[in-house]
């Protein structure tokens, strides 16, 4: 039987291959082993996930944080924070890890004001007076992630 060419039908020699391909009967090429991701891609994905988490945390912190208008924490806030710290941990100074008299506990800026820190709830921590003075304006990267800077 002679058939004329039609743009809607593939040529006769492709018809069988096309029907086999649509039915899934074609032999599949041998699969190549998938390359294992290297250390660089693993670290890059980890950094992307960590970065997204930090951005989300800092964004929520900026929205929900209570900012005080002065450079010094209000007396009621200092009293509240120190009482809460004593109720949870006793009169323990977390910076150097030693016990102090409860009256020696003070409220410190996590990120110092000279380093762009703010006077806010998220930028407050309880330390003893000696550790507060010894810390001064030194801040680590972790302090900037934990505290609140401008």
N, C-alpha and C. Protein backbone atom coordinates (compact mmCIF):
# COMPACT_ATOMS: atom_id res chain seq x y z
N UNK A 1 0.84 -1.17 0.00
CA UNK A 1 0.00 0.00 0.00
C UNK A 1 0.88 1.23 0.00
N UNK A 2 0.58 2.12 -0.88
CA UNK A 2 1.36 3.32 -1.03
C UNK A 2 0.68 4.46 -0.29
N UNK A 3 1.48 5.19 0.49
CA UNK A 3 0.92 6.28 1.28
C UNK A 3 1.62 7.56 0.88
N UNK A 4 0.88 8.65 0.84
CA UNK A 4 1.48 9.95 0.53
C UNK A 4 1.98 10.58 1.82
N UNK A 5 2.88 11.49 1.67
CA UNK A 5 3.47 12.16 2.84
C UNK A 5 2.45 13.09 3.46
N UNK A 6 2.40 13.09 4.79
CA UNK A 6 1.50 13.98 5.51
C UNK A 6 2.28 14.64 6.63
N UNK A 7 2.09 15.93 6.84
CA UNK A 7 2.83 16.59 7.93
C UNK A 7 2.36 16.13 9.31
N UNK A 8 1.19 15.52 9.39
CA UNK A 8 0.65 15.10 10.68
C UNK A 8 1.11 13.71 11.10
N UNK A 9 1.61 12.92 10.17
CA UNK A 9 2.06 11.57 10.49
C UNK A 9 3.55 11.47 10.26
N UNK A 10 4.25 10.82 11.17
CA UNK A 10 5.69 10.64 10.93
C UNK A 10 5.89 9.63 9.81
N UNK A 11 7.06 9.64 9.21
CA UNK A 11 7.32 8.64 8.17
C UNK A 11 7.17 7.23 8.73
N UNK A 12 6.89 6.28 7.83
CA UNK A 12 6.55 4.92 8.24
C UNK A 12 7.64 4.26 9.09
N UNK A 13 8.90 4.50 8.81
CA UNK A 13 9.96 3.83 9.55
C UNK A 13 10.08 4.36 10.99
N UNK A 14 9.52 5.52 11.30
CA UNK A 14 9.55 6.05 12.67
C UNK A 14 8.30 5.68 13.46
N UNK A 15 7.28 5.20 12.77
CA UNK A 15 6.01 4.93 13.44
C UNK A 15 6.16 3.87 14.53
N UNK A 16 6.89 2.81 14.27
CA UNK A 16 7.09 1.76 15.26
C UNK A 16 7.91 2.25 16.45
N UNK A 17 8.95 3.02 16.16
CA UNK A 17 9.80 3.54 17.24
C UNK A 17 9.02 4.52 18.11
N UNK A 18 8.18 5.32 17.48
CA UNK A 18 7.39 6.29 18.23
C UNK A 18 6.39 5.60 19.14
N UNK A 19 5.71 4.57 18.63
CA UNK A 19 4.74 3.87 19.47
C UNK A 19 5.43 3.12 20.60
N UNK A 20 6.64 2.56 20.33
CA UNK A 20 7.37 1.89 21.40
C UNK A 20 7.82 2.89 22.46
N UNK A 21 8.23 4.08 22.03
CA UNK A 21 8.69 5.10 22.98
C UNK A 21 7.53 5.58 23.84
N UNK A 22 6.36 5.75 23.21
CA UNK A 22 5.21 6.20 23.98
C UNK A 22 4.74 5.12 24.95
N UNK A 23 4.92 3.87 24.59
CA UNK A 23 4.51 2.77 25.46
C UNK A 23 5.56 2.47 26.52
N UNK A 24 6.75 3.01 26.38
CA UNK A 24 7.81 2.77 27.35
C UNK A 24 8.56 1.49 27.12
N UNK A 25 8.47 0.91 25.90
CA UNK A 25 9.13 -0.36 25.61
C UNK A 25 10.53 -0.19 25.05
N UNK A 26 10.98 1.01 24.84
CA UNK A 26 12.30 1.22 24.25
C UNK A 26 13.38 0.83 25.24
N UNK A 27 14.44 0.25 24.75
CA UNK A 27 15.55 -0.02 25.66
C UNK A 27 16.14 1.30 26.13
N UNK A 28 16.38 1.38 27.41
CA UNK A 28 16.89 2.63 27.97
C UNK A 28 18.41 2.59 27.91
N UNK A 29 19.01 3.76 27.69
CA UNK A 29 20.48 3.77 27.68
C UNK A 29 20.99 3.42 29.07
N UNK A 30 22.17 2.84 29.14
CA UNK A 30 22.68 2.48 30.47
C UNK A 30 22.83 3.73 31.33
N UNK A 31 22.34 3.63 32.55
CA UNK A 31 22.40 4.79 33.42
C UNK A 31 23.80 4.97 33.96
N UNK A 32 24.22 6.21 33.98
CA UNK A 32 25.54 6.51 34.50
C UNK A 32 25.42 6.78 35.99
N UNK A 33 26.41 6.39 36.76
CA UNK A 33 26.32 6.65 38.20
C UNK A 33 26.29 8.15 38.47
N UNK A 34 25.44 8.52 39.38
CA UNK A 34 25.29 9.92 39.72
C UNK A 34 26.50 10.37 40.54
N UNK A 35 27.11 11.48 40.17
CA UNK A 35 28.29 11.91 40.94
C UNK A 35 27.88 12.33 42.34
N UNK A 36 28.69 11.97 43.30
CA UNK A 36 28.41 12.37 44.68
C UNK A 36 28.74 13.84 44.84
N UNK A 37 27.89 14.57 45.55
CA UNK A 37 28.20 15.99 45.73
C UNK A 37 29.48 16.14 46.56
N UNK A 38 30.28 17.09 46.18
CA UNK A 38 31.54 17.31 46.87
C UNK A 38 31.35 18.12 48.14
N UNK A 39 32.43 18.30 48.85
CA UNK A 39 32.42 19.04 50.11
C UNK A 39 32.04 20.49 49.87
N UNK A 40 32.50 21.05 48.76
CA UNK A 40 32.20 22.46 48.48
C UNK A 40 30.70 22.69 48.32
N UNK A 41 30.02 21.81 47.58
CA UNK A 41 28.58 22.00 47.40
C UNK A 41 27.83 21.76 48.70
N UNK A 42 28.32 20.82 49.51
CA UNK A 42 27.71 20.58 50.82
C UNK A 42 27.84 21.81 51.71
N UNK A 43 29.03 22.40 51.76
CA UNK A 43 29.24 23.59 52.58
C UNK A 43 28.46 24.78 52.05
N UNK A 44 28.36 24.90 50.74
CA UNK A 44 27.62 26.01 50.15
C UNK A 44 26.13 25.91 50.49
N UNK A 45 25.57 24.70 50.40
CA UNK A 45 24.16 24.52 50.76
C UNK A 45 23.94 24.78 52.24
N UNK A 46 24.87 24.31 53.08
CA UNK A 46 24.77 24.56 54.52
C UNK A 46 24.84 26.04 54.84
N UNK A 47 25.73 26.76 54.16
CA UNK A 47 25.84 28.20 54.38
C UNK A 47 24.57 28.92 53.93
N UNK A 48 23.97 28.47 52.84
CA UNK A 48 22.73 29.09 52.36
C UNK A 48 21.59 28.88 53.36
N UNK A 49 21.48 27.68 53.90
CA UNK A 49 20.44 27.39 54.87
C UNK A 49 20.67 28.19 56.15
N UNK A 50 21.92 28.24 56.61
CA UNK A 50 22.24 29.00 57.82
C UNK A 50 21.98 30.49 57.61
N UNK A 51 22.37 31.00 56.45
CA UNK A 51 22.13 32.41 56.14
C UNK A 51 20.65 32.75 56.13
N UNK A 52 19.85 31.87 55.55
CA UNK A 52 18.40 32.11 55.52
C UNK A 52 17.83 32.09 56.93
N UNK A 53 18.32 31.18 57.77
CA UNK A 53 17.85 31.13 59.16
C UNK A 53 18.23 32.37 59.94
N UNK A 54 19.46 32.85 59.74
CA UNK A 54 19.90 34.05 60.45
C UNK A 54 19.10 35.25 59.99
N UNK A 55 18.85 35.36 58.69
CA UNK A 55 18.05 36.49 58.19
C UNK A 55 16.64 36.47 58.76
N UNK A 56 16.05 35.29 58.83
CA UNK A 56 14.70 35.18 59.40
C UNK A 56 14.71 35.56 60.88
N UNK A 57 15.72 35.08 61.62
CA UNK A 57 15.83 35.40 63.05
C UNK A 57 16.02 36.89 63.26
N UNK A 58 16.92 37.51 62.50
CA UNK A 58 17.18 38.94 62.68
C UNK A 58 15.97 39.77 62.24
N UNK A 59 15.25 39.31 61.23
CA UNK A 59 14.04 40.03 60.80
C UNK A 59 12.97 39.99 61.88
N UNK A 60 12.73 38.80 62.46
CA UNK A 60 11.76 38.71 63.55
C UNK A 60 12.21 39.50 64.76
N UNK A 61 13.51 39.49 65.02
CA UNK A 61 14.04 40.24 66.16
C UNK A 61 13.78 41.74 65.97
N UNK A 62 13.96 42.24 64.77
CA UNK A 62 13.74 43.66 64.51
C UNK A 62 12.26 44.02 64.63
N UNK A 63 11.38 43.10 64.28
CA UNK A 63 9.95 43.37 64.34
C UNK A 63 9.43 43.29 65.77
N UNK A 64 9.86 42.27 66.51
CA UNK A 64 9.27 42.00 67.81
C UNK A 64 10.03 42.63 68.98
N UNK A 65 11.21 43.19 68.75
CA UNK A 65 12.04 43.69 69.84
C UNK A 65 11.50 45.01 70.38
N UNK A 66 11.65 45.17 71.69
CA UNK A 66 11.28 46.44 72.34
C UNK A 66 12.53 47.29 72.46
N UNK A 67 12.51 48.44 71.85
CA UNK A 67 13.65 49.34 71.83
C UNK A 67 13.43 50.46 72.84
N UNK A 68 14.43 50.68 73.71
CA UNK A 68 14.35 51.77 74.68
C UNK A 68 15.03 52.99 74.08
N UNK A 69 14.52 54.16 74.37
CA UNK A 69 15.01 55.38 73.72
C UNK A 69 16.29 55.93 74.33
N UNK A 70 16.72 55.41 75.48
CA UNK A 70 17.91 55.93 76.15
C UNK A 70 19.09 55.02 75.89
N UNK A 71 20.28 55.43 76.33
CA UNK A 71 21.47 54.58 76.19
C UNK A 71 21.60 53.64 77.38
N UNK A 72 20.84 53.87 78.42
CA UNK A 72 20.88 53.02 79.61
C UNK A 72 19.55 52.27 79.72
N UNK A 73 19.63 51.04 80.16
CA UNK A 73 18.41 50.25 80.33
C UNK A 73 17.59 50.83 81.48
N UNK A 74 16.25 50.91 81.34
CA UNK A 74 15.42 51.43 82.43
C UNK A 74 15.54 50.56 83.68
N UNK A 75 15.37 51.19 84.86
CA UNK A 75 15.54 50.49 86.14
C UNK A 75 14.57 49.31 86.25
N UNK A 76 13.32 49.48 85.82
CA UNK A 76 12.34 48.40 85.93
C UNK A 76 12.75 47.21 85.07
N UNK A 77 13.35 47.48 83.90
CA UNK A 77 13.77 46.40 83.01
C UNK A 77 14.98 45.68 83.60
N UNK A 78 15.95 46.43 84.13
CA UNK A 78 17.12 45.81 84.75
C UNK A 78 16.70 44.91 85.91
N UNK A 79 15.81 45.42 86.75
CA UNK A 79 15.32 44.63 87.90
C UNK A 79 14.62 43.37 87.42
N UNK A 80 13.76 43.50 86.43
CA UNK A 80 13.01 42.35 85.89
C UNK A 80 13.95 41.30 85.29
N UNK A 81 14.95 41.75 84.53
CA UNK A 81 15.86 40.82 83.87
C UNK A 81 16.76 40.10 84.89
N UNK A 82 17.24 40.83 85.89
CA UNK A 82 18.09 40.22 86.91
C UNK A 82 17.28 39.24 87.76
N UNK A 83 16.05 39.59 88.12
CA UNK A 83 15.21 38.67 88.90
C UNK A 83 14.92 37.39 88.11
N UNK A 84 14.66 37.53 86.83
CA UNK A 84 14.42 36.37 85.98
C UNK A 84 15.68 35.50 85.89
N UNK A 85 16.85 36.14 85.76
CA UNK A 85 18.11 35.41 85.69
C UNK A 85 18.37 34.65 86.99
N UNK A 86 18.13 35.29 88.13
CA UNK A 86 18.35 34.63 89.42
C UNK A 86 17.37 33.47 89.60
N UNK A 87 16.13 33.63 89.15
CA UNK A 87 15.14 32.56 89.27
C UNK A 87 15.54 31.35 88.41
N UNK A 88 16.15 31.58 87.26
CA UNK A 88 16.52 30.48 86.38
C UNK A 88 17.87 29.86 86.74
N UNK A 89 18.87 30.71 86.96
CA UNK A 89 20.24 30.21 87.09
C UNK A 89 20.88 30.49 88.45
N UNK A 90 20.21 31.19 89.32
CA UNK A 90 20.85 31.61 90.57
C UNK A 90 21.72 32.83 90.28
N UNK A 91 22.66 33.12 91.17
CA UNK A 91 23.52 34.30 90.96
C UNK A 91 24.81 33.87 90.23
N UNK A 92 24.62 33.26 89.10
CA UNK A 92 25.71 32.73 88.27
C UNK A 92 26.02 33.73 87.16
N UNK A 93 27.30 34.08 87.01
CA UNK A 93 27.71 34.96 85.91
C UNK A 93 28.09 34.09 84.71
N UNK A 94 27.39 34.20 83.60
CA UNK A 94 27.64 33.29 82.48
C UNK A 94 28.89 33.62 81.66
N UNK A 95 29.43 34.82 81.81
CA UNK A 95 30.55 35.19 80.93
C UNK A 95 31.81 34.43 81.31
N UNK A 96 32.19 34.44 82.58
CA UNK A 96 33.36 33.68 83.03
C UNK A 96 32.97 32.43 83.81
N UNK A 97 31.71 32.27 84.09
CA UNK A 97 31.23 31.07 84.74
C UNK A 97 31.60 30.95 86.20
N UNK A 98 31.15 31.90 87.01
CA UNK A 98 31.41 31.82 88.44
C UNK A 98 30.21 32.38 89.21
N UNK A 99 30.13 31.98 90.48
CA UNK A 99 29.05 32.45 91.34
C UNK A 99 29.42 33.82 91.92
N UNK A 100 28.45 34.71 91.98
CA UNK A 100 28.67 36.05 92.54
C UNK A 100 27.54 36.36 93.50
N UNK A 101 27.69 37.43 94.23
CA UNK A 101 26.61 37.91 95.09
C UNK A 101 25.51 38.47 94.18
N UNK A 102 24.25 38.22 94.48
CA UNK A 102 23.17 38.69 93.60
C UNK A 102 23.19 40.20 93.35
N UNK A 103 23.71 40.97 94.30
CA UNK A 103 23.75 42.42 94.11
C UNK A 103 24.82 42.84 93.11
N UNK A 104 25.75 41.93 92.79
CA UNK A 104 26.81 42.25 91.83
C UNK A 104 26.37 42.05 90.37
N UNK A 105 25.20 41.48 90.15
CA UNK A 105 24.73 41.25 88.78
C UNK A 105 24.26 42.56 88.15
N UNK A 106 24.67 42.79 86.90
CA UNK A 106 24.26 43.99 86.16
C UNK A 106 23.72 43.57 84.80
N UNK A 107 23.09 44.50 84.13
CA UNK A 107 22.60 44.26 82.77
C UNK A 107 23.56 44.93 81.81
N UNK A 108 24.00 44.17 80.82
CA UNK A 108 25.02 44.61 79.88
C UNK A 108 24.46 44.60 78.46
N UNK A 109 24.99 45.48 77.62
CA UNK A 109 24.67 45.45 76.19
C UNK A 109 25.48 44.32 75.55
N UNK A 110 24.83 43.40 74.85
CA UNK A 110 25.57 42.33 74.17
C UNK A 110 26.49 42.93 73.13
N UNK A 111 25.93 43.72 72.23
CA UNK A 111 26.73 44.49 71.28
C UNK A 111 26.86 45.88 71.88
N UNK A 112 28.09 46.29 72.17
CA UNK A 112 28.32 47.57 72.84
C UNK A 112 27.76 48.74 72.02
N UNK A 113 27.38 49.80 72.73
CA UNK A 113 26.83 50.97 72.06
C UNK A 113 27.83 51.56 71.06
N UNK A 114 29.12 51.56 71.41
CA UNK A 114 30.13 52.12 70.50
C UNK A 114 30.29 51.29 69.24
N UNK A 115 29.85 50.04 69.27
CA UNK A 115 29.91 49.16 68.09
C UNK A 115 28.59 49.13 67.34
N UNK A 116 27.69 50.04 67.66
CA UNK A 116 26.40 50.11 66.96
C UNK A 116 25.29 49.34 67.62
N UNK A 117 25.50 48.89 68.86
CA UNK A 117 24.47 48.15 69.57
C UNK A 117 23.32 49.06 69.97
N UNK A 118 22.18 48.47 70.20
CA UNK A 118 20.99 49.23 70.58
C UNK A 118 20.64 48.92 72.02
N UNK A 119 19.90 49.80 72.63
CA UNK A 119 19.40 49.57 73.97
C UNK A 119 18.02 48.95 73.80
N UNK A 120 17.99 47.62 73.74
CA UNK A 120 16.75 46.90 73.49
C UNK A 120 16.77 45.59 74.25
N UNK A 121 15.61 44.95 74.32
CA UNK A 121 15.51 43.66 75.02
C UNK A 121 16.42 42.61 74.39
N UNK A 122 16.51 42.59 73.08
CA UNK A 122 17.30 41.57 72.40
C UNK A 122 18.80 41.81 72.55
N UNK A 123 19.20 42.99 72.99
CA UNK A 123 20.61 43.30 73.13
C UNK A 123 21.01 43.39 74.60
N UNK A 124 20.29 42.71 75.48
CA UNK A 124 20.57 42.76 76.92
C UNK A 124 20.97 41.39 77.43
N UNK A 125 21.93 41.37 78.33
CA UNK A 125 22.34 40.13 79.00
C UNK A 125 22.74 40.47 80.43
N UNK A 126 22.69 39.48 81.29
CA UNK A 126 23.05 39.67 82.70
C UNK A 126 24.47 39.16 82.90
N UNK A 127 25.33 40.04 83.43
CA UNK A 127 26.71 39.70 83.79
C UNK A 127 27.00 40.29 85.16
N UNK A 128 28.09 39.83 85.79
CA UNK A 128 28.51 40.50 87.03
C UNK A 128 29.25 41.78 86.64
N UNK A 129 29.38 42.67 87.57
CA UNK A 129 30.02 43.96 87.29
C UNK A 129 31.45 43.81 86.80
N UNK A 130 32.23 42.88 87.39
CA UNK A 130 33.62 42.68 86.96
C UNK A 130 33.71 42.20 85.52
N UNK A 131 32.86 41.24 85.15
CA UNK A 131 32.87 40.73 83.77
C UNK A 131 32.38 41.80 82.79
N UNK A 132 31.42 42.60 83.21
CA UNK A 132 30.91 43.67 82.37
C UNK A 132 32.04 44.66 82.07
N UNK A 133 32.80 45.00 83.07
CA UNK A 133 33.92 45.92 82.87
C UNK A 133 35.03 45.28 82.04
N UNK A 134 35.31 44.00 82.30
CA UNK A 134 36.37 43.32 81.57
C UNK A 134 36.01 43.14 80.10
N UNK A 135 34.75 42.92 79.81
CA UNK A 135 34.31 42.72 78.42
C UNK A 135 34.49 44.00 77.64
N UNK A 136 34.15 45.12 78.24
CA UNK A 136 34.30 46.40 77.56
C UNK A 136 33.51 46.45 76.27
N UNK A 137 34.15 46.94 75.21
CA UNK A 137 33.48 47.08 73.91
C UNK A 137 33.85 45.95 72.96
N UNK A 138 34.47 44.87 73.48
CA UNK A 138 34.83 43.75 72.61
C UNK A 138 33.59 42.93 72.28
N UNK A 139 33.44 42.60 71.02
CA UNK A 139 32.33 41.77 70.58
C UNK A 139 32.82 40.74 69.59
N UNK A 140 32.27 39.55 69.68
CA UNK A 140 32.59 38.51 68.71
C UNK A 140 31.51 38.50 67.63
N UNK A 141 31.72 37.73 66.60
CA UNK A 141 30.71 37.59 65.55
C UNK A 141 29.41 37.04 66.13
N UNK A 142 29.55 36.08 67.06
CA UNK A 142 28.37 35.50 67.68
C UNK A 142 27.57 36.56 68.44
N UNK A 143 28.26 37.53 69.06
CA UNK A 143 27.56 38.60 69.76
C UNK A 143 26.72 39.42 68.80
N UNK A 144 27.25 39.68 67.61
CA UNK A 144 26.49 40.46 66.62
C UNK A 144 25.28 39.67 66.11
N UNK A 145 25.41 38.33 66.03
CA UNK A 145 24.28 37.52 65.59
C UNK A 145 23.22 37.45 66.68
N UNK A 146 23.66 37.37 67.94
CA UNK A 146 22.76 37.20 69.06
C UNK A 146 22.13 38.53 69.49
N UNK A 147 22.92 39.58 69.55
CA UNK A 147 22.43 40.88 70.02
C UNK A 147 21.78 41.65 68.90
N UNK A 148 21.58 42.92 69.16
CA UNK A 148 20.91 43.75 68.16
C UNK A 148 21.73 44.98 67.90
N UNK A 149 22.21 45.13 66.68
CA UNK A 149 23.00 46.29 66.28
C UNK A 149 22.20 47.09 65.26
N UNK A 150 22.65 48.29 65.04
CA UNK A 150 21.96 49.17 64.09
C UNK A 150 22.19 48.68 62.68
